[in-house]
Protein backbone atom coordinates (compact mmCIF):
# COMPACT_ATOMS: atom_id res chain seq x y z
CA MET A 1 138.01 130.83 79.06
CA THR A 2 137.44 127.70 77.00
CA SER A 3 134.63 125.65 75.48
CA ARG A 4 133.98 121.93 75.27
CA PHE A 5 132.84 119.91 72.27
CA THR A 6 129.74 118.37 73.84
CA GLU A 7 127.37 117.38 71.03
CA LEU A 8 127.35 116.68 67.31
CA VAL A 9 123.95 117.43 65.78
CA VAL A 10 122.63 115.49 62.79
CA GLU A 11 119.60 116.86 60.95
CA CYS A 12 117.34 114.10 59.67
CA HIS A 13 113.77 113.06 58.81
CA ASP A 14 113.44 110.28 61.40
CA PRO A 15 115.46 110.87 64.59
CA GLU A 16 114.25 107.64 66.23
CA ARG A 17 115.32 105.48 63.30
CA LEU A 18 118.70 107.17 62.88
CA ALA A 19 119.40 107.13 66.63
CA ALA A 20 118.59 103.39 66.73
CA PHE A 21 120.98 102.77 63.80
CA TRP A 22 123.84 104.70 65.42
CA CYS A 23 123.20 103.08 68.81
CA GLU A 24 123.78 99.71 67.13
CA VAL A 25 126.87 100.95 65.27
CA LEU A 26 128.54 102.55 68.29
CA ASP A 27 127.03 100.62 71.22
CA PHE A 28 125.53 103.89 72.51
CA LYS A 29 122.33 104.30 74.49
CA VAL A 30 119.53 106.83 74.20
CA ILE A 31 120.15 109.40 76.93
CA ASP A 32 117.43 111.94 76.09
CA ARG A 33 114.47 112.28 73.80
CA SER A 34 111.77 114.83 73.14
CA GLU A 35 109.48 115.69 70.25
CA GLY A 36 111.60 115.57 67.09
CA LYS A 37 114.90 115.00 68.92
CA VAL A 38 116.88 112.01 70.21
CA GLU A 39 120.26 112.22 71.95
CA ILE A 40 122.55 109.21 72.23
CA GLY A 41 125.89 108.68 73.89
CA SER A 42 128.35 106.38 75.59
CA TRP A 43 127.82 108.21 78.89
CA ILE A 44 125.30 110.53 80.53
CA PRO A 45 126.84 113.99 80.64
CA THR A 46 126.75 116.03 83.81
CA ILE A 47 127.83 119.64 84.10
CA GLU A 48 130.53 118.62 86.57
CA ASP A 49 132.02 115.96 84.23
CA VAL A 50 131.98 118.30 81.23
CA ARG A 51 133.61 121.12 83.19
CA ALA A 52 136.29 118.78 84.61
CA ARG A 53 137.59 117.32 81.35
CA GLN A 54 136.90 116.80 77.68
CA MET A 55 134.57 113.83 77.31
CA PRO A 56 133.29 112.13 74.14
CA PRO A 57 130.52 114.17 72.53
CA THR A 58 126.98 112.87 72.27
CA LEU A 59 125.07 112.61 68.99
CA VAL A 60 121.82 114.54 68.72
CA PHE A 61 119.37 113.74 65.93
CA ILE A 62 117.01 116.62 65.13
CA GLN A 63 114.02 116.28 62.82
CA VAL A 64 113.96 118.63 59.83
CA PRO A 65 111.63 118.66 56.80
CA GLU A 66 114.19 119.06 54.02
CA ASP A 67 116.14 116.25 52.34
CA LYS A 68 119.90 115.88 52.35
CA THR A 69 121.04 117.15 48.95
CA VAL A 70 124.86 117.20 48.84
CA LYS A 71 127.86 115.31 50.19
CA ASN A 72 128.46 115.91 53.90
CA ARG A 73 131.09 118.52 54.75
CA LEU A 74 131.55 116.77 58.10
CA HIS A 75 131.36 113.03 58.65
CA LEU A 76 132.07 110.40 61.29
CA ASP A 77 134.90 107.87 61.07
CA VAL A 78 134.45 104.57 62.90
CA SER A 79 137.04 101.87 63.62
CA PRO A 80 136.03 98.27 64.35
CA ILE A 81 137.28 96.99 67.70
CA ASP A 82 136.25 93.32 67.59
CA GLY A 83 136.86 92.16 64.03
CA SER A 84 138.16 93.10 60.63
CA THR A 85 137.07 96.12 58.63
CA GLU A 86 135.41 93.76 56.15
CA VAL A 87 133.40 92.01 58.87
CA GLU A 88 132.29 95.39 60.27
CA VAL A 89 131.22 96.62 56.82
CA THR A 90 129.09 93.49 56.43
CA ARG A 91 127.51 94.09 59.86
CA LEU A 92 126.74 97.71 59.02
CA LEU A 93 125.18 96.72 55.69
CA GLY A 94 122.90 94.41 57.69
CA LEU A 95 121.89 97.35 59.91
CA GLY A 96 120.81 99.42 56.91
CA ALA A 97 123.98 101.23 55.83
CA THR A 98 125.03 101.31 52.18
CA LYS A 99 128.40 101.58 50.48
CA THR A 100 128.76 104.88 48.66
CA ASP A 101 131.17 106.62 46.32
CA VAL A 102 132.23 110.17 47.09
CA GLY A 103 135.18 110.05 44.72
CA GLN A 104 137.51 108.22 47.08
CA GLY A 105 138.90 105.87 44.41
CA PRO A 106 139.31 102.09 44.56
CA ASP A 107 142.73 101.87 46.26
CA ARG A 108 141.77 103.20 49.69
CA ASN A 109 142.13 101.24 52.92
CA TRP A 110 138.84 102.60 54.30
CA VAL A 111 135.26 102.09 53.17
CA VAL A 112 132.87 105.00 52.62
CA MET A 113 129.33 104.18 53.69
CA ALA A 114 126.07 106.03 54.26
CA ASP A 115 123.61 105.66 57.12
CA PRO A 116 119.91 105.00 56.39
CA GLU A 117 119.33 108.70 55.58
CA GLY A 118 122.37 109.03 53.33
CA ASN A 119 124.86 110.65 55.74
CA GLU A 120 128.34 109.51 54.76
CA PHE A 121 130.74 107.95 57.23
CA ASP A 122 133.99 106.00 56.91
CA VAL A 123 134.90 102.60 58.28
CA LEU A 124 138.63 102.74 58.98
CA ARG A 125 141.22 100.13 59.87
CA THR A 126 140.41 97.63 62.57
CA LEU A 127 141.60 98.18 66.13
CA ALA A 128 140.96 94.54 67.07
CA PRO A 129 143.89 92.72 68.66
CA GLN A 130 145.94 90.91 66.06
CA THR A 131 146.17 87.16 66.63
């Protein structure tokens, strides 16, 4: 018997806004929505696909009334695929992200950011082809 990692749930105030932000960041699409919930992903999961092999999880944004109060214990890491880390950080700032300090220190090769509701994530090294 085994399980599959199928979804990562993010509690938030505005699921539509946060889903739109992460769709832009990751080039995902909305695959399901209902009252207070939006699910996004790079593919539309089917039971057959999930049973056959491990696939990338979807992100599910669920509306909750309370505010985020502490640093995330779990966060996403993203790696740019088309340009430098610096160019990606600039793009994400334009989408509504902010740079944030979680005690990482100044000599790191990644950038800690927060999405529009304050959820931390890291922008890692670029995966773009080197020219």
